[in-house]
Protein backbone atom coordinates (compact mmCIF):
# COMPACT_ATOMS: atom_id res chain seq x y z
CA MET A 1 0.54 26.35 -1.80
CA SER A 2 4.27 26.94 -2.03
CA PHE A 3 7.23 25.03 -2.09
CA ALA A 4 7.87 26.05 1.68
CA GLU A 5 4.84 24.96 2.67
CA ILE A 6 5.13 21.68 0.88
CA PHE A 7 8.01 20.81 2.71
CA THR A 8 6.18 21.81 6.03
CA VAL A 9 3.87 18.64 5.13
CA VAL A 10 6.34 16.27 3.73
CA VAL A 11 9.44 16.77 5.84
CA PRO A 12 7.97 15.78 9.78
CA VAL A 13 6.62 12.67 7.51
CA PHE A 14 10.02 11.54 6.91
CA LEU A 15 11.55 12.57 10.13
CA LEU A 16 9.12 10.26 11.92
CA ILE A 17 10.03 7.85 9.07
CA LEU A 18 13.92 8.26 10.23
CA VAL A 19 12.90 8.19 13.87
CA GLY A 20 11.55 4.26 13.20
CA TYR A 21 14.38 3.53 10.84
CA GLY A 22 16.66 4.49 14.03
CA THR A 23 15.10 2.67 16.43
CA GLY A 24 14.62 -0.60 14.02
CA ARG A 25 18.38 -0.56 13.17
CA ARG A 26 19.34 0.16 17.19
CA ALA A 27 16.60 -3.32 17.54
CA LEU A 28 14.43 -1.44 19.85
CA PHE A 29 11.38 -2.83 18.05
CA ASP A 30 12.42 -6.60 16.90
CA ALA A 31 10.04 -8.46 14.64
CA GLY A 32 7.15 -8.99 17.65
CA GLY A 33 7.50 -5.04 18.17
CA ALA A 34 7.28 -4.46 14.17
CA GLN A 35 4.12 -6.43 14.29
CA ALA A 36 2.37 -5.29 17.28
CA LEU A 37 3.12 -1.28 15.22
CA ARG A 38 1.58 -2.53 12.20
CA GLU A 39 -1.38 -4.27 13.90
CA LEU A 40 -1.80 -1.44 15.88
CA THR A 41 -2.62 0.70 12.75
CA MET A 42 -3.91 -1.53 10.21
CA GLN A 43 -6.37 -3.44 12.84
CA LEU A 44 -7.40 -0.17 15.30
CA ALA A 45 -6.25 3.13 14.56
CA LEU A 46 -6.13 3.78 10.46
CA PRO A 47 -9.89 1.96 10.26
CA ALA A 48 -11.47 4.30 13.34
CA ALA A 49 -10.07 7.39 11.44
CA LEU A 50 -11.66 6.42 8.28
CA LEU A 51 -14.77 5.07 9.28
CA LEU A 52 -15.03 8.53 11.46
CA SER A 53 -13.86 10.35 8.68
CA ILE A 54 -16.41 9.18 5.57
CA TRP A 55 -19.40 8.67 8.39
CA GLN A 56 -18.89 12.49 8.76
CA THR A 57 -18.68 13.41 5.52
CA PRO A 58 -22.27 14.32 3.62
CA ARG A 59 -23.83 12.24 1.31
CA HIS A 60 -23.42 14.65 -1.81
CA VAL A 61 -19.81 14.53 -1.24
CA LEU A 62 -19.43 10.72 -0.81
CA VAL A 63 -21.40 10.56 -4.71
CA GLU A 64 -19.14 13.61 -6.48
CA GLN A 65 -16.23 10.57 -5.28
CA LEU A 66 -17.18 8.00 -8.36
CA PRO A 67 -14.78 9.80 -10.95
CA LEU A 68 -12.05 9.49 -8.69
CA VAL A 69 -12.94 5.32 -7.90
CA GLY A 70 -13.03 5.36 -11.66
CA LEU A 71 -9.31 6.78 -12.04
CA LEU A 72 -8.14 4.93 -9.12
CA ALA A 73 -9.63 1.46 -10.72
CA PHE A 74 -7.63 2.77 -13.90
CA GLY A 75 -4.24 3.28 -12.13
CA PHE A 76 -4.30 0.30 -9.94
CA LEU A 77 -5.95 -2.35 -11.99
CA ALA A 78 -5.70 -1.74 -15.70
CA VAL A 79 -2.05 -0.41 -15.33
CA TYR A 80 -1.20 -3.53 -13.86
CA ALA A 81 -3.02 -5.30 -16.79
CA VAL A 82 -0.82 -3.59 -18.74
CA LEU A 83 2.18 -4.57 -16.94
CA LEU A 84 1.45 -7.91 -16.34
CA GLY A 85 1.13 -8.39 -20.02
CA VAL A 86 4.19 -6.55 -20.84
CA LEU A 87 6.39 -8.36 -18.30
CA ARG A 88 5.00 -11.80 -19.60
CA LEU A 89 5.25 -11.51 -23.19
CA ALA A 90 7.60 -9.11 -24.04
CA ALA A 91 10.22 -9.35 -21.57
CA ARG A 92 9.33 -13.22 -20.93
CA ARG A 93 9.18 -13.35 -17.13
CA PRO A 94 7.63 -16.19 -15.38
CA LEU A 95 4.20 -15.92 -14.63
CA ARG A 96 4.54 -15.65 -10.84
CA ARG A 97 7.33 -13.24 -11.45
CA ALA A 98 5.64 -11.08 -13.65
CA ALA A 99 2.37 -11.00 -11.42
CA LEU A 100 4.84 -9.86 -8.09
CA PHE A 101 6.70 -7.38 -10.03
CA ALA A 102 3.63 -5.45 -11.77
CA LEU A 103 2.20 -4.80 -8.73
CA ALA A 104 5.28 -3.63 -6.79
CA CYS A 105 5.13 -1.33 -9.76
CA VAL A 106 1.39 -0.05 -8.75
CA GLN A 107 0.89 -0.88 -5.42
CA PRO A 108 2.18 1.83 -2.61
CA GLN A 109 2.05 2.77 0.51
CA TYR A 110 -0.56 5.18 0.80
CA ALA A 111 -2.58 3.30 4.25
CA PHE A 112 0.41 4.33 6.05
CA MET A 113 2.09 7.86 4.40
CA GLY A 114 -1.39 9.04 3.13
CA THR A 115 -3.10 9.86 6.18
CA SER A 116 -0.30 12.52 7.23
CA ILE A 117 0.60 13.87 3.53
CA LEU A 118 -2.68 13.75 2.44
CA GLY A 119 -4.28 14.86 5.31
CA GLY A 120 -1.64 18.11 5.62
CA LEU A 121 -2.81 19.18 2.14
CA PHE A 122 -6.53 18.21 1.59
CA GLY A 123 -7.53 18.02 5.50
CA THR A 124 -8.40 14.45 7.39
CA ALA A 125 -11.92 14.30 6.28
CA GLN A 126 -11.27 14.97 3.02
CA ALA A 127 -7.73 12.72 2.42
CA ALA A 128 -9.89 9.72 3.99
CA VAL A 129 -12.02 9.36 0.84
CA PRO A 130 -9.36 8.44 -1.64
CA ILE A 131 -7.55 6.39 0.83
CA ALA A 132 -10.52 4.35 1.92
CA VAL A 133 -11.33 4.11 -1.92
CA ALA A 134 -7.71 2.28 -2.70
CA GLY A 135 -7.96 0.37 0.14
CA ILE A 136 -11.12 -1.39 -1.04
CA ILE A 137 -9.91 -1.49 -4.77
CA VAL A 138 -6.70 -3.25 -3.60
CA ASN A 139 -7.94 -5.66 -0.81
CA VAL A 140 -10.86 -6.69 -2.35
CA VAL A 141 -9.83 -6.62 -6.60
CA LEU A 142 -6.05 -6.24 -6.88
CA ASP A 143 -4.50 -8.49 -4.20
CA PRO A 144 -7.12 -11.54 -5.06
CA VAL A 145 -6.37 -11.27 -8.37
CA VAL A 146 -2.84 -11.53 -7.90
CA LEU A 147 -2.93 -14.28 -5.37
CA ILE A 148 -5.13 -16.42 -7.73
CA LEU A 149 -2.24 -15.49 -10.45
CA LEU A 150 0.29 -16.76 -7.96
CA GLY A 151 -1.40 -20.11 -7.53
CA MET A 152 -1.37 -20.86 -11.05
CA PRO A 153 1.13 -24.06 -11.58
CA GLU A 154 4.65 -23.17 -12.93
CA HIS A 155 7.56 -25.45 -14.09
CA ALA A 156 9.49 -25.94 -10.74
CA GLU A 157 12.68 -24.63 -10.22
CA PRO A 158 14.80 -24.41 -7.35
CA ARG A 159 14.00 -21.06 -4.88
CA THR A 160 15.11 -19.63 -1.97
CA VAL A 161 12.17 -18.67 0.76
CA THR A 162 12.31 -17.04 3.33
CA ALA A 163 12.21 -18.20 7.21
CA GLY A 164 8.98 -16.60 7.28
CA ALA A 165 7.09 -17.47 4.54
CA ALA A 166 5.72 -20.86 6.26
CA ALA A 167 3.83 -18.76 8.73
CA LEU A 168 2.83 -16.51 6.13
CA ALA A 169 1.29 -19.44 4.62
CA ARG A 170 -0.32 -20.01 7.67
CA ARG A 171 -1.75 -16.42 7.89
CA PRO A 172 -4.75 -14.91 6.12
CA ALA A 173 -2.73 -13.28 2.76
CA LEU A 174 -4.11 -10.11 2.69
CA VAL A 175 -3.18 -8.96 6.81
CA THR A 176 -2.37 -5.42 5.98
CA ALA A 177 -3.50 -2.96 2.75
CA GLY A 178 -0.71 -0.65 2.81
CA GLY A 179 1.87 -2.46 4.38
CA GLY A 180 2.96 -5.83 5.01
CA THR A 181 5.77 -7.99 6.57
CA PRO A 182 8.87 -7.20 5.16
CA GLU A 183 10.62 -8.57 8.01
CA ALA A 184 9.58 -11.99 6.61
CA ALA A 185 12.49 -11.61 4.40
CA ALA A 186 15.42 -10.81 6.92
CA ARG A 187 16.67 -14.16 7.25
CA PRO A 188 16.64 -16.31 3.52
CA VAL A 189 16.64 -20.22 3.60
CA HIS A 190 17.08 -23.02 0.78
CA ALA A 191 13.98 -25.09 0.03
CA GLU A 192 12.88 -26.65 -3.06
CA ALA A 193 10.30 -24.93 -5.15
CA GLY A 194 7.19 -27.50 -5.48
CA SER A 195 3.88 -26.31 -6.02
CA PRO A 196 2.76 -23.45 -3.77
CA GLY A 197 -0.05 -25.29 -1.98
CA PRO A 198 -3.74 -25.57 -3.30
CA ARG A 199 -4.84 -22.50 -5.82
CA PRO A 200 -6.47 -19.69 -3.97
CA SER A 201 -10.21 -19.43 -4.13
CA ALA A 202 -11.63 -16.18 -5.09
CA LEU A 203 -14.40 -16.09 -2.53
CA ARG A 204 -11.91 -17.03 -0.08
CA THR A 205 -9.23 -14.78 -0.64
CA VAL A 206 -12.06 -11.80 -1.07
CA GLY A 207 -13.75 -13.26 2.58
CA HIS A 208 -10.37 -12.55 3.90
CA ALA A 209 -9.79 -9.23 2.98
CA LEU A 210 -13.55 -8.11 3.97
CA ARG A 211 -12.75 -9.56 7.35
CA GLU A 212 -10.18 -6.61 7.74
CA PRO A 213 -11.27 -3.42 9.60
CA PHE A 214 -9.15 -1.61 7.04
CA CYS A 215 -11.96 -2.99 4.57
CA TRP A 216 -15.21 -2.92 6.22
CA GLY A 217 -14.64 0.26 8.53
CA PRO A 218 -14.69 2.73 5.43
CA VAL A 219 -17.54 0.21 4.16
CA LEU A 220 -19.36 0.83 7.60
CA GLY A 221 -19.18 4.77 7.51
CA LEU A 222 -20.12 4.84 4.10
CA VAL A 223 -23.13 3.08 4.79
CA LEU A 224 -24.07 5.18 7.40
CA SER A 225 -23.12 8.37 5.86
CA ILE A 226 -25.30 7.52 3.15
CA ALA A 227 -28.38 6.23 5.65
CA GLY A 228 -28.27 10.04 7.08
CA VAL A 229 -27.27 8.58 10.15
CA GLY A 230 -25.31 10.85 12.65
CA VAL A 231 -22.08 10.48 14.80
CA PRO A 232 -23.08 10.07 18.56
CA GLU A 233 -20.70 12.41 20.33
CA ILE A 234 -19.72 9.45 22.58
CA ALA A 235 -18.52 7.70 19.14
CA ASP A 236 -17.23 10.66 17.66
CA SER A 237 -14.74 10.93 21.47
CA ALA A 238 -13.90 7.52 21.44
CA LEU A 239 -13.12 7.02 17.38
CA SER A 240 -11.23 10.31 17.49
CA LEU A 241 -8.78 9.27 20.38
CA LEU A 242 -8.28 6.05 18.59
CA ALA A 243 -7.91 7.58 15.22
CA GLY A 244 -5.04 10.08 16.77
CA ALA A 245 -2.38 7.35 16.94
CA ALA A 246 -2.96 6.37 13.08
CA SER A 247 -0.66 9.07 11.91
CA ALA A 248 2.41 8.27 13.98
CA THR A 249 2.43 4.57 14.76
CA ALA A 250 1.96 4.11 10.55
CA LEU A 251 5.04 6.26 9.82
CA LEU A 252 7.31 4.61 12.82
CA TYR A 253 6.54 1.11 11.30
CA VAL A 254 7.21 2.10 7.77
CA GLY A 255 10.60 3.45 9.56
CA VAL A 256 11.28 0.15 11.27
CA SER A 257 10.16 -2.01 8.14
CA VAL A 258 13.09 -0.54 5.93
CA ALA A 259 15.75 -0.68 8.70
CA ARG A 260 14.64 -4.91 8.69
CA ILE A 261 14.84 -5.01 4.53
CA GLY A 262 18.35 -3.49 4.81
CA ARG A 263 20.60 -2.15 2.25
CA PRO A 264 19.25 -2.62 -1.33
CA THR A 265 20.46 -3.55 -4.30
CA LEU A 266 20.47 -1.21 -7.11
CA SER A 267 19.84 -3.75 -10.29
CA PRO A 268 17.51 -2.76 -13.19
CA ALA A 269 14.83 -3.98 -12.09
CA VAL A 270 14.97 -2.36 -8.83
CA TRP A 271 15.41 1.21 -10.47
CA ALA A 272 12.49 0.41 -13.06
CA ILE A 273 10.12 -1.24 -10.26
CA SER A 274 11.32 1.99 -8.06
CA LEU A 275 10.59 4.58 -10.92
CA THR A 276 7.53 3.44 -12.28
CA SER A 277 5.85 3.40 -8.78
CA VAL A 278 6.85 7.19 -7.42
CA VAL A 279 7.13 9.02 -10.77
CA VAL A 280 5.66 6.97 -14.24
CA LEU A 281 2.39 6.07 -12.61
CA PRO A 282 1.39 8.87 -10.80
CA LEU A 283 2.18 11.36 -13.66
CA LEU A 284 0.31 8.38 -15.96
CA VAL A 285 -2.92 8.81 -13.63
CA TYR A 286 -2.75 12.49 -13.21
CA GLY A 287 -2.44 13.22 -17.42
CA THR A 288 -5.58 10.86 -17.81
CA GLY A 289 -7.49 12.46 -14.96
CA LEU A 290 -7.07 15.97 -16.48
CA LEU A 291 -8.43 14.31 -19.56
CA LEU A 292 -11.24 12.75 -18.42
CA ALA A 293 -12.17 14.23 -15.01
CA SER A 294 -11.29 17.31 -13.30
CA GLU A 295 -8.32 18.74 -12.07
CA ALA A 296 -8.95 17.94 -8.17
CA VAL A 297 -10.07 14.35 -8.72
CA ALA A 298 -6.25 13.93 -10.80
CA ALA A 299 -4.38 15.90 -8.09
CA GLN A 300 -5.94 13.23 -5.47
CA ALA A 301 -5.63 10.17 -7.23
CA ALA A 302 -1.53 11.13 -8.52
CA LEU A 303 -1.19 12.18 -4.80
CA ILE A 304 -2.37 8.37 -4.03
CA LEU A 305 -0.49 6.16 -6.29
CA ALA A 306 3.06 8.29 -5.49
CA PHE A 307 3.69 6.99 -2.45
CA PRO A 308 6.90 4.27 -2.23
CA VAL A 309 6.27 0.76 -3.30
CA SER A 310 4.03 -1.05 -0.48
CA PRO A 311 5.65 -4.09 1.25
CA VAL A 312 3.07 -6.34 0.41
CA PRO A 313 4.26 -7.59 -2.48
CA LEU A 314 7.41 -8.28 -0.96
CA MET A 315 5.32 -10.71 1.68
CA PHE A 316 3.65 -12.25 -1.69
CA ALA A 317 7.23 -12.49 -2.95
CA ALA A 318 8.69 -14.31 0.52
CA ARG A 319 5.22 -16.91 -0.09
CA HIS A 320 5.65 -17.62 -3.74
CA GLY A 321 8.50 -15.84 -5.56
CA SER A 322 12.15 -16.67 -5.57
CA GLY A 323 15.17 -15.25 -3.42
CA LYS A 324 16.31 -12.85 -6.20
CA ASP A 325 12.22 -11.72 -6.33
CA VAL A 326 12.84 -10.70 -2.66
CA ARG A 327 16.18 -9.18 -2.72
CA THR A 328 14.93 -7.33 -5.96
CA ILE A 329 11.33 -6.00 -4.68
CA GLY A 330 12.32 -5.91 -1.19
CA SER A 331 15.51 -3.28 -2.76
CA ALA A 332 12.62 -1.41 -4.59
CA VAL A 333 10.66 -0.54 -1.24
CA VAL A 334 13.69 1.26 -0.01
CA LEU A 335 14.94 2.67 -2.78
CA SER A 336 11.30 3.98 -3.78
CA LEU A 337 10.98 5.70 0.01
CA LEU A 338 14.54 7.40 -0.89
CA LEU A 339 13.31 8.84 -4.11
CA SER A 340 9.86 9.60 -2.49
CA PHE A 341 11.48 12.56 -0.41
CA VAL A 342 12.11 14.14 -3.68
CA THR A 343 9.60 13.30 -5.96
CA LEU A 344 6.26 13.80 -3.82
CA PRO A 345 7.26 17.62 -2.88
CA LEU A 346 7.87 17.84 -6.88
CA LEU A 347 4.43 16.46 -7.77
CA ILE A 348 2.86 18.34 -4.92
CA GLU A 349 3.96 21.48 -6.89
CA LEU A 350 2.89 20.05 -9.98
CA VAL A 351 -0.69 19.16 -9.59
CA GLY A 352 -0.90 22.15 -7.19
């Protein structure tokens, strides 16, 4: 694929994000409108797209994806554990800050941006499998583990929380897989940092994740595909209509979310998180994949992990972190998105 062909895939994605950013800056979408875009994407359109694509994938193709599962598990879970240990033991960061910053380094916006870019590169059906695998690993394993770490007791000190933190605490923490609610970080207020509440139950957080359509939709598609159940024509037509909204609404939501975060602060921590997310991690996974798997598997895993920082760590920071954590991770979301306009085409060229 030539560089010009790569840009025909990447540039329209960023143009649509720019449209969403413009509507966010002009307040055409308020917090409720941004929420509606997110819910349409994560609760309806994207689950429908993944369900249909995986359901239509032959069984032998799904079995062949086991190396991809292992490589993505390495990229999300093993690298997270290493970063957490480095931040906690070597950099002497508090547990919650280390857990949040490590999560920001390894959790990208694969759900919102992946359907457009990976679909343009590999085809919609081929792109659905790595997106679904990433969603299950992140929602069922990674994010629940992070929530358990954030719920551990730590020495209390004054901190800044956001106006949306109380609302976030009342809602299931795993509301999305590739996005979040960065608008919750828009209006900081001061509060005392007591206990973050009862320590999250592992079973409860996993249960919340499994109830989300983004998780059970791909699993249902996997079960139907393995069982050899064909897709009825009516189901195919209905799911295709709903899936058609996934890419546009997802990209608009990314733009609106970035507009609501505001201007980033370019601290060393922000640069470290952003560069780890869009450069270091995908290259590490790609190199590991070349050694342990095939070039195609390495390319798919690297591109899943090459997208900008997800707003999910920002949502967690609004509930469990300090005002400094919110500003740092929010800035990393914006900076990594700007960097990815350059890094994504270069990585696509590298992996062929």
